Amino acid sequence: METIVIETEFIRLDAFLKFAALVGTGGEAKLLIADGLVKVNGEVCTMRGKKLRPGDTITFNGTDYTVAAA
């Protein structure tokens, strides 16, 4: 599991994928989320604006990522 540290209260799911360098563009993130390829806390999430907060776990491409506060 990898930890991604954010300096804000929350980060949107699409922005998280870009911030963690899991995708190259916001458009790519939007498509992957819409296709149901991203899980948040163990459940498929198709809302690209989903607010992620420290403690949330994102699963993408077989790898788990945890959001942590700075």
Protein backbone atom coordinates (compact mmCIF):
# COMPACT_ATOMS: atom_id res chain seq x y z
CA MET A 1 0.00 0.00 0.00
CA GLU A 2 1.30 3.43 -0.93
CA THR A 3 0.57 6.59 1.05
CA ILE A 4 -0.24 9.83 -0.76
CA VAL A 5 0.06 12.94 1.43
CA ILE A 6 -2.24 15.89 0.79
CA GLU A 7 -1.95 19.35 2.32
CA THR A 8 -5.64 20.22 2.08
CA GLU A 9 -8.74 19.03 3.94
CA PHE A 10 -9.79 16.87 0.99
CA ILE A 11 -8.98 16.11 -2.64
CA ARG A 12 -11.38 15.12 -5.42
CA LEU A 13 -10.98 11.63 -6.84
CA ASP A 14 -10.07 12.81 -10.34
CA ALA A 15 -7.51 15.24 -8.92
CA PHE A 16 -6.11 12.50 -6.70
CA LEU A 17 -5.38 10.27 -9.68
CA LYS A 18 -3.47 13.12 -11.35
CA PHE A 19 -1.73 14.20 -8.12
CA ALA A 20 -0.52 10.65 -7.47
CA ALA A 21 0.71 10.44 -11.10
CA LEU A 22 -1.57 7.48 -11.82
CA VAL A 23 -2.91 9.17 -14.96
CA GLY A 24 -1.51 11.80 -17.27
CA THR A 25 -4.58 13.99 -17.74
CA GLY A 26 -7.85 14.86 -16.09
CA GLY A 27 -9.68 13.49 -19.12
CA GLU A 28 -8.01 10.13 -18.67
CA ALA A 29 -8.99 10.13 -14.99
CA LYS A 30 -12.59 10.98 -15.90
CA LEU A 31 -12.83 8.04 -18.31
CA LEU A 32 -11.27 5.53 -15.91
CA ILE A 33 -13.59 6.60 -13.10
CA ALA A 34 -16.67 6.50 -15.38
CA ASP A 35 -15.69 3.00 -16.51
CA GLY A 36 -15.72 1.80 -12.88
CA LEU A 37 -11.99 1.05 -12.73
CA VAL A 38 -11.40 2.88 -9.44
CA LYS A 39 -12.49 1.79 -5.97
CA VAL A 40 -12.82 4.02 -2.92
CA ASN A 41 -12.82 2.25 0.44
CA GLY A 42 -13.44 -1.09 -1.28
CA GLU A 43 -16.38 -0.01 -3.44
CA VAL A 44 -16.41 0.99 -7.11
CA CYS A 45 -16.83 4.76 -7.36
CA THR A 46 -18.01 6.45 -10.56
CA MET A 47 -18.19 9.96 -9.10
CA ARG A 48 -15.11 11.86 -10.26
CA GLY A 49 -15.86 14.66 -7.77
CA LYS A 50 -15.91 12.28 -4.79
CA LYS A 51 -14.15 14.01 -1.91
CA LEU A 52 -11.30 11.96 -0.48
CA ARG A 53 -10.15 12.67 3.04
CA PRO A 54 -7.23 11.36 5.09
CA GLY A 55 -7.82 7.71 5.91
CA ASP A 56 -9.61 6.89 2.65
CA THR A 57 -8.22 4.04 0.54
CA ILE A 58 -8.22 4.10 -3.25
CA THR A 59 -7.64 0.98 -5.32
CA PHE A 60 -6.50 1.42 -8.90
CA ASN A 61 -4.84 -1.02 -11.25
CA GLY A 62 -4.37 -3.59 -8.49
CA THR A 63 -2.61 -1.22 -6.07
CA ASP A 64 -4.00 0.35 -2.90
CA TYR A 65 -3.29 3.98 -2.02
CA THR A 66 -4.07 5.66 1.28
CA VAL A 67 -4.75 9.37 1.66
CA ALA A 68 -2.84 10.96 4.54
CA ALA A 69 -2.71 14.50 5.94
CA ALA A 70 0.53 16.47 5.82
